[in-house]
Amino acid sequence: MNRFSTLGNRFFVLYASFLLICLCSCGNKSNSQSNDTVSVAQPTSPIFCEDSAYTYVATQCSFGPRTMNSKAHEQCAQWLVNKFEQFGANVSVQEAESHLYDGTPITMKNIIAVFNDSCEGRIQISSHWDSRPWADNDDNQSYHNTPIDGANDGASGVGVLLEIARQIQLKNPEIGVELICWDAEDSGDHGSENENSWCLGSQYWATNHSVNGFRYLFGILLDMVGGKDSYFRKEQISMYYAPGVVDNVWSTAQKLGYGKYFLNENGNPITDDHIQVNKSGIPCIDIIGSNHDGSSFPDTWHTMNDNIQNIDKNVLNAVGQTLMEIIWQI
């Protein structure tokens, strides 16, 4: 998937203002899900459908690797726009010309779907939708110049966004919701010090978006949220900018019985799209998958194994239902 700041070995100098936000917790009833350490609650929000989210992940992968300047990239972009419009969102495409770190010219498309755009308060949930052009972390070096499907690294987060959009159409929450699919996130220079080679779409958005008639309450970025054996820890940049949002999301997940995935542990600082959102003045956190001991990203990261066969519906459901609860509890 994206860029990584060597999971824990690289820290960032952060210049944006520090902003705390505390959200109210939800009242709950007992649930049939099990959790060894926390009493389990019944969701008060609509029920997230993991089968639907899984289908959206599979459909994205069916176009082929969604690398910049590819036919699959163009086809998937149009499909995403059509799906969000089908679910009743006000959809716009923020298109811009840019260059990859090696000078390759690209056309980026950030896909933005807004519900309840007349509401004064708005939350942003996002994920990148492009896929890595090179399987440069694969054990087989012959694949290092081969593009990956990006089922977990990109498509999983977008699959969750699409299912949330479908649920909003069925039962509208009393809050503005902005769903963004970031482009050109995952073509960065792996192993270099050039952090700005990643997250090109969100970099552009951060300096080219307007806020008219509403205010952002907070943002949540999704990255690698559907892989088998994935775990979510409290990412450090998220904790710097928006610790209240992190705590609310993690406590909500644990109340719903997803504590086996949302671990009450500190993670490492990650170079991801949430940095750009935070720099724009919106407190934003990163829900990003890691392996069991937190030493690295999931094993499929930037390999040919990042395919639909390694997507776990249970992980998609844990993330999706938690987000649904966050949206509908406001």
Protein backbone atom coordinates (compact mmCIF):
# COMPACT_ATOMS: atom_id res chain seq x y z
CA MET A 1 0.00 0.00 0.00
CA ASN A 2 1.24 3.34 0.81
CA ARG A 3 4.29 4.88 2.04
CA PHE A 4 5.70 3.78 5.22
CA SER A 5 7.91 5.54 7.67
CA THR A 6 9.72 2.32 8.52
CA LEU A 7 7.07 1.57 11.07
CA GLY A 8 8.55 3.18 14.11
CA ASN A 9 12.01 4.18 12.96
CA ARG A 10 11.05 7.56 11.52
CA PHE A 11 9.45 10.44 13.37
CA PHE A 12 8.06 13.59 11.86
CA VAL A 13 8.39 17.26 12.58
CA LEU A 14 4.78 18.41 12.72
CA TYR A 15 3.99 22.10 12.33
CA ALA A 16 0.20 22.34 12.30
CA SER A 17 -1.59 23.47 15.44
CA PHE A 18 -2.45 20.90 18.05
CA LEU A 19 -6.19 20.26 18.25
CA LEU A 20 -8.08 18.06 20.65
CA ILE A 21 -11.59 16.80 20.13
CA CYS A 22 -13.62 14.73 22.51
CA LEU A 23 -16.72 12.90 21.37
CA CYS A 24 -19.56 11.54 23.41
CA SER A 25 -19.66 7.81 23.99
CA CYS A 26 -22.64 5.71 22.96
CA GLY A 27 -25.15 3.97 25.16
CA ASN A 28 -25.31 0.24 24.53
CA LYS A 29 -27.13 -3.03 24.99
CA SER A 30 -25.80 -6.55 25.20
CA ASN A 31 -24.67 -8.26 21.98
CA SER A 32 -24.03 -11.81 20.82
CA GLN A 33 -20.41 -11.05 19.86
CA SER A 34 -17.75 -12.12 22.32
CA ASN A 35 -14.92 -10.08 23.81
CA ASP A 36 -12.73 -11.45 26.55
CA THR A 37 -11.92 -8.12 28.22
CA VAL A 38 -14.80 -5.71 27.56
CA SER A 39 -18.56 -6.14 27.93
CA VAL A 40 -20.08 -6.29 24.46
CA ALA A 41 -22.76 -3.84 23.30
CA GLN A 42 -25.43 -3.95 20.62
CA PRO A 43 -24.89 -1.41 17.81
CA THR A 44 -27.31 1.51 17.84
CA SER A 45 -26.40 2.27 14.22
CA PRO A 46 -27.51 0.40 11.08
CA ILE A 47 -25.86 -2.99 10.61
CA PHE A 48 -22.79 -2.93 8.37
CA CYS A 49 -22.86 -5.66 5.69
CA GLU A 50 -19.42 -7.23 5.33
CA ASP A 51 -20.55 -9.27 2.32
CA SER A 52 -21.43 -6.07 0.50
CA ALA A 53 -18.11 -4.43 1.41
CA TYR A 54 -16.23 -7.56 0.30
CA THR A 55 -17.99 -7.45 -3.08
CA TYR A 56 -16.94 -3.82 -3.53
CA VAL A 57 -13.33 -4.78 -2.79
CA ALA A 58 -13.49 -7.64 -5.30
CA THR A 59 -15.00 -5.41 -7.98
CA GLN A 60 -12.20 -2.88 -7.66
CA CYS A 61 -9.65 -5.66 -8.04
CA SER A 62 -11.47 -7.03 -11.09
CA PHE A 63 -10.41 -3.97 -13.11
CA GLY A 64 -6.77 -4.93 -12.57
CA PRO A 65 -4.08 -2.96 -10.71
CA ARG A 66 -5.30 0.64 -10.34
CA THR A 67 -1.93 2.19 -11.15
CA MET A 68 -1.59 5.75 -12.39
CA ASN A 69 -2.16 6.31 -16.13
CA SER A 70 -3.61 2.80 -16.60
CA LYS A 71 -6.87 1.73 -18.22
CA ALA A 72 -7.86 -0.01 -14.99
CA HIS A 73 -7.38 3.28 -13.14
CA GLU A 74 -9.73 5.08 -15.52
CA GLN A 75 -12.36 2.32 -15.45
CA CYS A 76 -12.35 2.05 -11.67
CA ALA A 77 -12.61 5.82 -11.26
CA GLN A 78 -15.77 5.92 -13.33
CA TRP A 79 -17.22 2.95 -11.47
CA LEU A 80 -16.58 4.63 -8.11
CA VAL A 81 -18.26 7.85 -9.26
CA ASN A 82 -21.25 5.88 -10.53
CA LYS A 83 -21.62 3.89 -7.29
CA PHE A 84 -21.50 6.94 -5.03
CA GLU A 85 -24.04 8.70 -7.26
CA GLN A 86 -26.21 5.58 -7.17
CA PHE A 87 -26.21 5.83 -3.37
CA GLY A 88 -27.41 9.43 -3.50
CA ALA A 89 -24.20 11.32 -2.79
CA ASN A 90 -23.26 14.69 -4.22
CA VAL A 91 -20.14 13.57 -6.12
CA SER A 92 -17.27 15.65 -7.43
CA VAL A 93 -13.92 14.68 -8.93
CA GLN A 94 -10.94 16.84 -8.05
CA GLU A 95 -8.63 16.33 -11.02
CA ALA A 96 -5.06 17.61 -11.17
CA GLU A 97 -1.84 17.07 -13.09
CA SER A 98 1.25 16.02 -11.15
CA HIS A 99 4.45 13.99 -11.42
CA LEU A 100 5.74 10.90 -9.65
CA TYR A 101 9.11 11.06 -7.92
CA ASP A 102 10.80 9.74 -11.10
CA GLY A 103 9.28 12.51 -13.23
CA THR A 104 6.44 10.45 -14.76
CA PRO A 105 3.49 12.79 -15.50
CA ILE A 106 0.16 11.67 -14.02
CA THR A 107 -3.44 12.81 -13.83
CA MET A 108 -4.82 12.45 -10.31
CA LYS A 109 -8.49 12.08 -9.44
CA ASN A 110 -9.65 12.54 -5.86
CA ILE A 111 -13.24 11.29 -5.75
CA ILE A 112 -15.37 13.15 -3.20
CA ALA A 113 -18.86 12.01 -2.17
CA VAL A 114 -20.87 14.19 0.22
CA PHE A 115 -24.08 13.41 2.09
CA ASN A 116 -26.16 16.02 3.91
CA ASP A 117 -24.05 18.85 2.53
CA SER A 118 -26.41 21.43 4.05
CA CYS A 119 -25.43 20.38 7.58
CA GLU A 120 -23.22 22.79 9.47
CA GLY A 121 -21.10 19.99 10.94
CA ARG A 122 -19.32 17.42 8.79
CA ILE A 123 -17.07 14.43 9.35
CA GLN A 124 -14.63 13.14 6.75
CA ILE A 125 -13.84 9.45 6.19
CA SER A 126 -11.31 8.59 3.51
CA SER A 127 -9.10 5.96 1.90
CA HIS A 128 -6.78 5.88 -1.08
CA TRP A 129 -8.08 4.03 -4.14
CA ASP A 130 -4.96 3.66 -6.31
CA SER A 131 -2.68 0.63 -6.03
CA ARG A 132 1.08 0.17 -5.87
CA PRO A 133 2.80 -0.08 -9.30
CA TRP A 134 5.51 -2.35 -7.96
CA ALA A 135 5.50 -5.43 -5.68
CA ASP A 136 8.80 -4.21 -4.28
CA ASN A 137 8.35 -5.92 -0.91
CA ASP A 138 7.72 -9.37 -2.39
CA ASP A 139 10.14 -12.14 -1.40
CA ASN A 140 10.41 -13.02 -5.10
CA GLN A 141 12.52 -10.26 -6.64
CA SER A 142 11.22 -11.08 -10.12
CA TYR A 143 7.96 -9.38 -9.06
CA HIS A 144 9.56 -6.15 -7.89
CA ASN A 145 8.48 -4.29 -11.03
CA THR A 146 5.03 -5.91 -11.21
CA PRO A 147 1.92 -3.93 -10.15
CA ILE A 148 -0.21 -5.37 -7.35
CA ASP A 149 -3.97 -5.81 -7.01
CA GLY A 150 -4.00 -3.76 -3.82
CA ALA A 151 -7.00 -5.60 -2.36
CA ASN A 152 -6.08 -4.65 1.19
CA ASP A 153 -3.85 -1.70 0.39
CA GLY A 154 -6.43 0.66 -1.01
CA ALA A 155 -9.46 -1.35 -2.10
CA SER A 156 -10.42 -2.51 1.41
CA GLY A 157 -10.85 1.02 2.73
CA VAL A 158 -12.82 2.08 -0.34
CA GLY A 159 -15.02 -1.01 0.05
CA VAL A 160 -15.88 0.15 3.57
CA LEU A 161 -16.64 3.67 2.29
CA LEU A 162 -19.00 2.32 -0.36
CA GLU A 163 -20.93 0.20 2.14
CA ILE A 164 -21.22 3.20 4.46
CA ALA A 165 -22.58 5.20 1.51
CA ARG A 166 -25.13 2.49 0.80
CA GLN A 167 -26.22 2.49 4.43
CA ILE A 168 -26.54 6.28 4.51
CA GLN A 169 -28.93 6.06 1.58
CA LEU A 170 -31.07 3.61 3.56
CA LYS A 171 -30.99 5.53 6.85
CA ASN A 172 -29.73 9.09 6.82
CA PRO A 173 -27.65 10.22 9.85
CA GLU A 174 -28.11 13.70 11.28
CA ILE A 175 -24.65 14.89 10.29
CA GLY A 176 -22.77 15.83 7.15
CA VAL A 177 -20.58 12.97 5.88
CA GLU A 178 -17.80 13.42 3.34
CA LEU A 179 -16.27 10.27 1.85
CA ILE A 180 -13.03 10.81 -0.09
CA CYS A 181 -11.09 8.35 -2.24
CA TRP A 182 -7.55 9.72 -2.43
CA ASP A 183 -5.53 9.17 -5.58
CA ALA A 184 -1.78 8.81 -6.22
CA GLU A 185 -1.06 7.76 -2.65
CA ASP A 186 0.93 4.62 -3.29
CA SER A 187 3.52 5.42 -5.97
CA GLY A 188 6.12 6.82 -3.59
CA ASP A 189 9.84 6.16 -3.51
CA HIS A 190 10.19 3.20 -1.14
CA GLY A 191 13.31 3.38 1.00
CA SER A 192 14.21 7.00 0.29
CA GLU A 193 13.97 10.04 2.56
CA ASN A 194 11.51 11.68 0.16
CA GLU A 195 8.31 11.50 2.20
CA ASN A 196 6.63 13.94 -0.20
CA SER A 197 6.71 11.33 -2.98
CA TRP A 198 3.71 9.66 -1.29
CA CYS A 199 0.13 10.86 -0.86
CA LEU A 200 0.11 13.18 -3.87
CA GLY A 201 -3.68 13.33 -4.08
CA SER A 202 -4.17 14.43 -0.48
CA GLN A 203 -1.27 16.86 -0.78
CA TYR A 204 -3.10 18.57 -3.62
CA TRP A 205 -6.44 18.53 -1.78
CA ALA A 206 -4.94 20.04 1.37
CA THR A 207 -4.05 23.25 -0.48
CA ASN A 208 -6.93 23.27 -2.97
CA HIS A 209 -10.17 22.72 -1.08
CA SER A 210 -12.68 25.16 0.33
CA VAL A 211 -14.96 25.11 3.35
CA ASN A 212 -18.14 27.04 2.66
CA GLY A 213 -21.07 26.96 5.07
CA PHE A 214 -19.86 24.04 7.19
CA ARG A 215 -17.11 23.01 9.58
CA TYR A 216 -15.22 19.75 9.83
CA LEU A 217 -15.58 18.00 13.16
CA PHE A 218 -12.84 15.45 12.49
CA GLY A 219 -11.51 13.02 9.90
CA ILE A 220 -10.79 9.29 9.84
CA LEU A 221 -8.45 7.72 7.30
CA LEU A 222 -8.68 4.01 6.47
CA ASP A 223 -5.68 2.10 5.18
CA MET A 224 -5.31 -1.69 4.90
CA VAL A 225 -8.48 -2.41 6.85
CA GLY A 226 -9.47 -5.81 5.43
CA GLY A 227 -6.45 -8.09 5.43
CA LYS A 228 -6.28 -11.43 7.21
CA ASP A 229 -4.44 -11.31 10.54
CA SER A 230 -4.62 -7.51 10.66
CA TYR A 231 -4.56 -5.51 13.88
CA PHE A 232 -5.06 -1.82 14.56
CA ARG A 233 -2.98 0.16 16.99
CA LYS A 234 -3.13 3.84 18.00
CA GLU A 235 -0.91 5.51 15.41
CA GLN A 236 1.34 8.20 16.92
CA ILE A 237 0.61 11.10 14.56
CA SER A 238 -3.09 10.48 15.12
CA MET A 239 -2.49 10.64 18.87
CA TYR A 240 -0.63 13.94 18.47
CA TYR A 241 -3.34 15.70 16.47
CA ALA A 242 -6.57 14.05 17.62
CA PRO A 243 -6.21 11.83 20.70
CA GLY A 244 -9.88 12.29 21.60
CA VAL A 245 -10.95 10.91 18.23
CA VAL A 246 -8.58 7.95 18.57
CA ASP A 247 -9.88 7.13 22.04
CA ASN A 248 -13.50 7.38 20.94
CA VAL A 249 -12.97 5.09 17.94
CA TRP A 250 -11.01 2.49 19.92
CA SER A 251 -13.39 2.49 22.86
CA THR A 252 -16.36 2.19 20.50
CA ALA A 253 -14.75 -0.77 18.72
CA GLN A 254 -14.06 -2.48 22.03
CA LYS A 255 -17.62 -1.90 23.28
CA LEU A 256 -18.92 -3.53 20.11
CA GLY A 257 -16.74 -6.59 20.67
CA TYR A 258 -13.89 -5.82 18.28
CA GLY A 259 -11.14 -5.54 20.84
CA LYS A 260 -9.27 -8.45 19.23
CA TYR A 261 -8.66 -6.17 16.23
CA PHE A 262 -8.50 -2.70 17.83
CA LEU A 263 -5.71 -3.21 20.32
CA ASN A 264 -5.28 -0.81 23.22
CA GLU A 265 -1.65 -0.28 22.29
CA ASN A 266 0.38 2.55 20.82
CA GLY A 267 1.44 2.10 17.22
CA ASN A 268 4.17 3.77 15.19
CA PRO A 269 4.11 7.05 13.22
CA ILE A 270 3.08 6.48 9.60
CA THR A 271 3.43 8.67 6.53
CA ASP A 272 -0.14 8.61 5.25
CA ASP A 273 -2.90 10.83 3.87
CA HIS A 274 -4.00 11.88 7.36
CA ILE A 275 -0.88 14.04 7.66
CA GLN A 276 -2.11 16.26 4.83
CA VAL A 277 -5.62 16.44 6.29
CA ASN A 278 -4.17 17.49 9.64
CA LYS A 279 -1.98 20.11 7.99
CA SER A 280 -5.12 21.58 6.45
CA GLY A 281 -6.48 22.15 9.97
CA ILE A 282 -8.79 19.14 10.32
CA PRO A 283 -7.99 16.74 13.21
CA CYS A 284 -7.66 13.38 11.47
CA ILE A 285 -6.65 9.90 12.60
CA ASP A 286 -5.35 6.86 10.74
CA ILE A 287 -6.89 3.40 11.18
CA ILE A 288 -4.12 1.38 9.57
CA GLY A 289 -3.42 -2.34 9.68
CA SER A 290 -0.29 -3.88 11.16
CA ASN A 291 0.90 -7.42 11.79
CA HIS A 292 0.35 -9.25 15.08
CA ASP A 293 3.32 -7.88 17.01
CA GLY A 294 3.17 -4.39 15.47
CA SER A 295 6.65 -4.62 13.98
CA SER A 296 5.50 -4.03 10.40
CA PHE A 297 2.55 -3.73 8.05
CA PRO A 298 0.55 -6.89 7.20
CA ASP A 299 2.56 -9.59 5.45
CA THR A 300 0.89 -8.93 2.10
CA TRP A 301 2.03 -5.29 2.03
CA HIS A 302 3.45 -4.37 -1.39
CA THR A 303 3.52 -8.02 -2.49
CA MET A 304 1.68 -10.07 -5.10
CA ASN A 305 -0.27 -11.65 -2.22
CA ASP A 306 -2.24 -8.46 -1.67
CA ASN A 307 -5.22 -9.97 -3.47
CA ILE A 308 -8.87 -10.76 -2.78
CA GLN A 309 -7.98 -14.22 -1.42
CA ASN A 310 -6.33 -12.52 1.55
CA ILE A 311 -9.26 -10.28 2.48
CA ASP A 312 -11.09 -11.18 5.70
CA LYS A 313 -14.76 -10.17 5.96
CA ASN A 314 -14.50 -10.17 9.75
CA VAL A 315 -11.88 -7.43 9.66
CA LEU A 316 -13.92 -5.37 7.20
CA ASN A 317 -16.91 -5.75 9.50
CA ALA A 318 -15.01 -4.70 12.63
CA VAL A 319 -13.88 -1.48 10.97
CA GLY A 320 -17.13 -0.79 9.14
CA GLN A 321 -19.47 -1.33 12.07
CA THR A 322 -17.27 0.77 14.33
CA LEU A 323 -17.40 3.66 11.86
CA MET A 324 -21.15 3.30 11.47
CA GLU A 325 -21.52 3.64 15.24
CA ILE A 326 -19.29 6.71 15.26
CA ILE A 327 -21.36 8.38 12.51
CA TRP A 328 -24.78 7.64 13.95
CA GLN A 329 -23.90 8.44 17.57
CA ILE A 330 -23.24 12.12 16.79
